[in-house]
Amino acid sequence: MAERDDKAGQAYWDGAWRDRPLPPRFDPEATHLTACVDRGFDRFFQRAFAGVAPREGALVEVGCGASVLLPYFGRRFGFSLAGVDYSPDGVDQSRALLAREGVEGDVRQGDLFSPPDDLLGRFDVVFSLGLVEHFTDAPGCLRALARLARPGGRVVTVIPNLAGAIGAVQKVLDRSVYDVHVPHDRESLREAHAAAGLTVTSAEYLLTVNFGVLNVSRLRPSPRALLARAAMRVLVDASRAVWRYESLAGELTPRRGLSPYVCVVARVGESARS
């Protein structure tokens, strides 16, 4: 993706994916406690994709480096899959994850702002996770995403909720990670989609809490790094305590302050694709 307003840049993501083991399978059917995160996402995707013809739709994930969701989208919804990422290491990991699960997908190294012509106007769903918030011009990023959608297709955007507690803690633990993001809450992300010419059909916070989205992996070995990792373990344990309570008493309502994710689903018209 173009470096013009990308606060992270390719070097950041090359460092994130290089020489890292493949992440575990995304599995909403697992029974362990942390699978409640996967189940929460699964329920969201069922709402977001409602009405797309089953076993016939096409989905592209933009910023798909090391994506555990691409194979899940193929297994769960039967989408014809594609992915685009500008990190060669991220592309390699995505291809390996698809191969690990025996799911077919066309994953390419490429630039969101000048994608291959054969991807334009092709997809029922254009999905991104943790992409839009890295761009200072969010509507411009969303307009570029919309160009990949067919008329009437959907742009489904998920970002970390750095306008809440996640962002406040990330600043303390490792400010350099926070600084490559532009914080958005539900309303500002909704407004960015509208400014891009998209018709927003839903905007919501997803999940009650998940401090596991904090990132301290870039800290060099030091006493500060040890303290940051210890603090993160405490916060992750607190998240698990909430999930355990919810498994017994029912899900709590996600709130701006603690919810780890912001999600928007929007439809694409001709004006947004131009």
Protein backbone atom coordinates (compact mmCIF):
# COMPACT_ATOMS: atom_id res chain seq x y z
CA MET A 1 0.00 0.00 0.00
CA ALA A 2 1.19 3.46 -0.82
CA GLU A 3 3.60 5.00 1.66
CA ARG A 4 1.99 8.43 1.17
CA ASP A 5 -0.10 8.27 4.35
CA ASP A 6 0.63 4.81 5.76
CA LYS A 7 1.87 5.32 9.31
CA ALA A 8 3.23 1.77 9.54
CA GLY A 9 4.87 1.10 6.17
CA GLN A 10 6.12 -2.10 4.61
CA ALA A 11 9.22 -2.37 6.83
CA TYR A 12 6.98 -2.52 9.91
CA TRP A 13 5.00 -5.45 8.53
CA ASP A 14 8.03 -7.25 7.12
CA GLY A 15 9.42 -7.19 10.65
CA ALA A 16 6.10 -8.38 12.06
CA TRP A 17 5.87 -11.48 9.85
CA ARG A 18 9.49 -12.45 9.15
CA ASP A 19 10.65 -15.71 10.76
CA ARG A 20 7.55 -16.04 12.93
CA PRO A 21 5.75 -19.36 13.40
CA LEU A 22 2.38 -19.76 11.75
CA PRO A 23 -0.45 -18.65 14.06
CA PRO A 24 -2.94 -21.24 15.35
CA ARG A 25 -6.10 -22.08 13.44
CA PHE A 26 -9.10 -19.78 13.78
CA ASP A 27 -11.69 -22.16 15.22
CA PRO A 28 -15.06 -21.01 16.60
CA GLU A 29 -15.93 -24.64 17.38
CA ALA A 30 -13.06 -25.10 19.84
CA THR A 31 -14.03 -25.60 23.46
CA HIS A 32 -11.17 -23.83 25.26
CA LEU A 33 -11.91 -20.51 26.96
CA THR A 34 -10.09 -18.24 24.51
CA ALA A 35 -12.18 -19.63 21.64
CA CYS A 36 -14.91 -17.24 22.80
CA VAL A 37 -13.05 -14.59 20.79
CA ASP A 38 -13.33 -16.72 17.64
CA ARG A 39 -17.01 -17.36 18.37
CA GLY A 40 -17.66 -13.64 18.78
CA PHE A 41 -16.06 -12.97 15.41
CA ASP A 42 -17.99 -15.84 13.85
CA ARG A 43 -21.30 -14.33 14.98
CA PHE A 44 -20.25 -10.95 13.60
CA PHE A 45 -19.31 -12.42 10.23
CA GLN A 46 -22.63 -14.23 9.99
CA ARG A 47 -24.36 -10.86 10.37
CA ALA A 48 -21.94 -9.05 8.06
CA PHE A 49 -22.25 -11.59 5.24
CA ALA A 50 -26.00 -12.21 5.53
CA GLY A 51 -27.62 -12.21 2.10
CA VAL A 52 -24.46 -13.05 0.14
CA ALA A 53 -25.26 -16.08 -2.00
CA PRO A 54 -23.87 -19.12 -0.16
CA ARG A 55 -21.12 -21.03 -1.92
CA GLU A 56 -21.09 -18.49 -4.75
CA GLY A 57 -19.67 -15.26 -3.35
CA ALA A 58 -16.14 -13.90 -3.73
CA LEU A 59 -14.17 -12.31 -0.89
CA VAL A 60 -10.84 -10.49 -0.86
CA GLU A 61 -8.92 -9.68 2.31
CA VAL A 62 -6.71 -6.63 1.94
CA GLY A 63 -3.76 -6.54 4.31
CA CYS A 64 -3.97 -10.32 4.55
CA GLY A 65 -0.47 -10.98 5.90
CA ALA A 66 -0.46 -14.19 7.98
CA SER A 67 -4.26 -14.28 7.86
CA VAL A 68 -5.97 -17.07 9.81
CA LEU A 69 -9.31 -15.72 8.58
CA LEU A 70 -8.91 -16.45 4.87
CA PRO A 71 -9.03 -20.24 5.31
CA TYR A 72 -11.88 -19.84 7.80
CA PHE A 73 -13.87 -17.76 5.28
CA GLY A 74 -13.46 -20.54 2.75
CA ARG A 75 -14.42 -23.31 5.17
CA ARG A 76 -17.28 -21.50 6.87
CA PHE A 77 -18.89 -19.56 4.03
CA GLY A 78 -17.59 -21.19 0.86
CA PHE A 79 -16.26 -17.93 -0.58
CA SER A 80 -13.96 -17.87 -3.57
CA LEU A 81 -10.92 -16.32 -1.88
CA ALA A 82 -8.30 -13.74 -2.75
CA GLY A 83 -5.85 -11.76 -0.67
CA VAL A 84 -3.57 -8.77 -1.17
CA ASP A 85 -0.67 -7.65 1.01
CA TYR A 86 2.45 -5.63 0.31
CA SER A 87 4.71 -7.65 2.62
CA PRO A 88 6.29 -10.65 0.86
CA ASP A 89 6.71 -12.39 4.21
CA GLY A 90 3.06 -11.81 5.05
CA VAL A 91 2.02 -13.18 1.63
CA ASP A 92 4.16 -16.29 2.15
CA GLN A 93 2.55 -16.90 5.54
CA SER A 94 -0.96 -16.45 4.16
CA ARG A 95 -0.28 -18.95 1.40
CA ALA A 96 1.15 -21.39 3.94
CA LEU A 97 -1.93 -21.03 6.17
CA LEU A 98 -4.26 -21.75 3.25
CA ALA A 99 -2.15 -24.77 2.28
CA ARG A 100 -2.13 -26.02 5.88
CA GLU A 101 -5.93 -26.22 5.82
CA GLY A 102 -6.30 -27.38 2.23
CA VAL A 103 -8.20 -24.24 1.19
CA GLU A 104 -7.66 -22.61 -2.21
CA GLY A 105 -7.02 -18.89 -2.51
CA ASP A 106 -5.32 -16.37 -4.79
CA VAL A 107 -2.95 -14.42 -2.52
CA ARG A 108 -0.81 -11.77 -4.17
CA GLN A 109 1.79 -9.24 -3.15
CA GLY A 110 0.41 -5.90 -4.22
CA ASP A 111 -0.55 -2.30 -3.50
CA LEU A 112 -4.06 -1.39 -2.44
CA PHE A 113 -3.83 1.89 -4.35
CA SER A 114 -2.75 0.28 -7.63
CA PRO A 115 -4.05 -3.30 -7.47
CA PRO A 116 -3.99 -5.76 -10.38
CA ASP A 117 -6.67 -4.81 -12.89
CA ASP A 118 -8.33 -8.22 -12.71
CA LEU A 119 -9.20 -7.64 -9.03
CA LEU A 120 -11.14 -4.41 -9.63
CA GLY A 121 -14.92 -4.59 -9.29
CA ARG A 122 -14.85 -8.33 -8.69
CA PHE A 123 -15.77 -9.04 -5.07
CA ASP A 124 -18.96 -9.43 -3.08
CA VAL A 125 -17.02 -8.72 0.13
CA VAL A 126 -13.89 -6.62 0.63
CA PHE A 127 -12.61 -7.34 4.12
CA SER A 128 -9.83 -5.80 6.19
CA LEU A 129 -8.70 -6.40 9.74
CA GLY A 130 -6.31 -3.90 11.30
CA LEU A 131 -5.66 -1.96 8.09
CA VAL A 132 -7.68 1.24 7.84
CA GLU A 133 -6.45 2.66 11.16
CA HIS A 134 -2.88 2.84 9.84
CA PHE A 135 -3.82 5.50 7.27
CA THR A 136 -4.13 9.18 8.07
CA ASP A 137 -6.61 9.49 5.20
CA ALA A 138 -9.12 6.82 6.23
CA PRO A 139 -11.74 7.80 3.59
CA GLY A 140 -9.07 7.57 0.89
CA CYS A 141 -8.11 4.10 2.08
CA LEU A 142 -11.77 3.05 2.11
CA ARG A 143 -12.34 4.40 -1.39
CA ALA A 144 -9.41 2.28 -2.57
CA LEU A 145 -10.96 -0.77 -0.89
CA ALA A 146 -14.33 -0.04 -2.50
CA ARG A 147 -12.79 -0.19 -5.99
CA LEU A 148 -12.34 -3.95 -5.49
CA ALA A 149 -16.06 -4.48 -4.82
CA ARG A 150 -18.76 -5.11 -7.39
CA PRO A 151 -21.68 -2.63 -7.36
CA GLY A 152 -23.77 -3.46 -4.31
CA GLY A 153 -20.88 -5.34 -2.70
CA ARG A 154 -19.79 -4.86 0.89
CA VAL A 155 -16.79 -3.35 2.60
CA VAL A 156 -16.35 -5.00 6.01
CA THR A 157 -13.86 -3.20 8.23
CA VAL A 158 -12.52 -4.33 11.61
CA ILE A 159 -9.95 -2.29 13.55
CA PRO A 160 -8.62 -2.32 17.12
CA ASN A 161 -10.43 0.09 19.42
CA LEU A 162 -7.48 2.33 20.22
CA ALA A 163 -9.87 5.10 21.28
CA GLY A 164 -10.59 3.08 24.42
CA ALA A 165 -8.61 1.32 27.13
CA ILE A 166 -6.62 -0.73 24.61
CA GLY A 167 -5.10 2.44 23.19
CA ALA A 168 -4.39 3.97 26.61
CA VAL A 169 -2.57 0.84 27.76
CA GLN A 170 -0.71 0.41 24.46
CA LYS A 171 0.70 3.93 24.82
CA VAL A 172 2.14 2.99 28.19
CA LEU A 173 3.51 -0.41 27.20
CA ASP A 174 5.00 0.54 23.81
CA ARG A 175 4.23 3.99 22.42
CA SER A 176 5.97 3.18 19.12
CA VAL A 177 3.21 0.69 18.25
CA TYR A 178 0.45 3.13 19.21
CA ASP A 179 2.04 5.82 17.05
CA VAL A 180 1.63 3.85 13.80
CA HIS A 181 -2.15 3.89 14.32
CA VAL A 182 -4.87 6.54 14.00
CA PRO A 183 -7.38 5.88 16.82
CA HIS A 184 -11.03 5.58 15.79
CA ASP A 185 -14.14 4.93 17.80
CA ARG A 186 -17.39 3.63 16.33
CA GLU A 187 -18.64 7.05 15.27
CA SER A 188 -15.44 8.25 13.61
CA LEU A 189 -15.07 4.96 11.71
CA ARG A 190 -18.70 5.21 10.59
CA GLU A 191 -18.07 8.78 9.43
CA ALA A 192 -14.95 7.74 7.49
CA HIS A 193 -16.99 5.17 5.55
CA ALA A 194 -19.70 7.73 4.81
CA ALA A 195 -17.06 10.25 3.68
CA ALA A 196 -15.76 7.60 1.26
CA GLY A 197 -19.19 7.45 -0.37
CA LEU A 198 -20.20 4.15 1.24
CA THR A 199 -23.62 3.41 2.70
CA VAL A 200 -23.12 2.21 6.27
CA THR A 201 -25.47 -0.61 7.27
CA SER A 202 -23.99 -1.33 10.71
CA ALA A 203 -21.35 0.00 13.07
CA GLU A 204 -20.61 -1.70 16.36
CA TYR A 205 -18.13 -2.58 19.05
CA LEU A 206 -17.17 -6.24 19.05
CA LEU A 207 -16.53 -8.32 22.20
CA THR A 208 -16.54 -7.13 25.78
CA VAL A 209 -12.82 -7.19 26.44
CA ASN A 210 -9.62 -8.70 25.04
CA PHE A 211 -6.31 -7.29 26.17
CA GLY A 212 -4.62 -9.94 24.06
CA VAL A 213 -4.68 -7.47 21.16
CA LEU A 214 -1.96 -5.41 22.89
CA ASN A 215 1.40 -5.61 21.12
CA VAL A 216 4.68 -5.71 23.05
CA SER A 217 6.55 -7.91 20.57
CA ARG A 218 8.72 -5.06 19.28
CA LEU A 219 10.28 -4.26 22.67
CA ARG A 220 13.97 -5.09 22.90
CA PRO A 221 15.08 -7.24 25.87
CA SER A 222 15.25 -4.92 28.87
CA PRO A 223 13.78 -4.52 32.36
CA ARG A 224 11.07 -2.32 30.80
CA ALA A 225 10.19 -5.09 28.34
CA LEU A 226 9.91 -7.60 31.19
CA LEU A 227 7.57 -5.27 33.08
CA ALA A 228 5.47 -4.65 29.96
CA ARG A 229 5.08 -8.36 29.28
CA ALA A 230 4.23 -9.03 32.92
CA ALA A 231 1.58 -6.30 32.82
CA MET A 232 0.15 -7.75 29.64
CA ARG A 233 -0.11 -11.20 31.22
CA VAL A 234 -2.09 -9.71 34.12
CA LEU A 235 -4.43 -7.93 31.70
CA VAL A 236 -4.91 -11.06 29.58
CA ASP A 237 -5.76 -12.98 32.75
CA ALA A 238 -8.32 -10.28 33.57
CA SER A 239 -9.81 -10.75 30.09
CA ARG A 240 -10.06 -14.48 30.69
CA ALA A 241 -11.86 -13.86 33.99
CA VAL A 242 -14.49 -11.79 32.14
CA TRP A 243 -14.89 -14.50 29.48
CA ARG A 244 -15.33 -17.12 32.20
CA TYR A 245 -18.03 -15.00 33.82
CA GLU A 246 -19.77 -14.53 30.46
CA SER A 247 -19.68 -18.28 29.80
CA LEU A 248 -21.71 -18.74 32.97
CA ALA A 249 -23.92 -15.66 33.12
CA GLY A 250 -24.26 -14.60 29.49
CA GLU A 251 -22.49 -12.04 27.32
CA LEU A 252 -22.12 -8.47 28.49
CA THR A 253 -22.79 -5.53 26.18
CA PRO A 254 -19.62 -4.27 24.43
CA ARG A 255 -18.76 -0.69 25.43
CA ARG A 256 -16.54 1.98 23.92
CA GLY A 257 -14.18 1.98 26.89
CA LEU A 258 -13.22 -1.71 27.01
CA SER A 259 -14.30 -3.32 23.74
CA PRO A 260 -11.21 -4.38 21.74
CA TYR A 261 -12.62 -3.94 18.22
CA VAL A 262 -14.67 -1.53 16.12
CA CYS A 263 -16.53 -2.97 13.10
CA VAL A 264 -18.34 -1.34 10.20
CA VAL A 265 -20.26 -2.97 7.35
CA ALA A 266 -21.02 -0.76 4.36
CA ARG A 267 -22.44 -1.17 0.88
CA VAL A 268 -20.74 0.07 -2.26
CA GLY A 269 -22.39 2.18 -4.96
CA GLU A 270 -20.95 3.40 -8.24
CA SER A 271 -19.80 6.71 -6.73
CA ALA A 272 -17.62 4.97 -4.15
CA ARG A 273 -15.89 2.85 -6.84
CA SER A 274 -14.89 5.75 -9.09
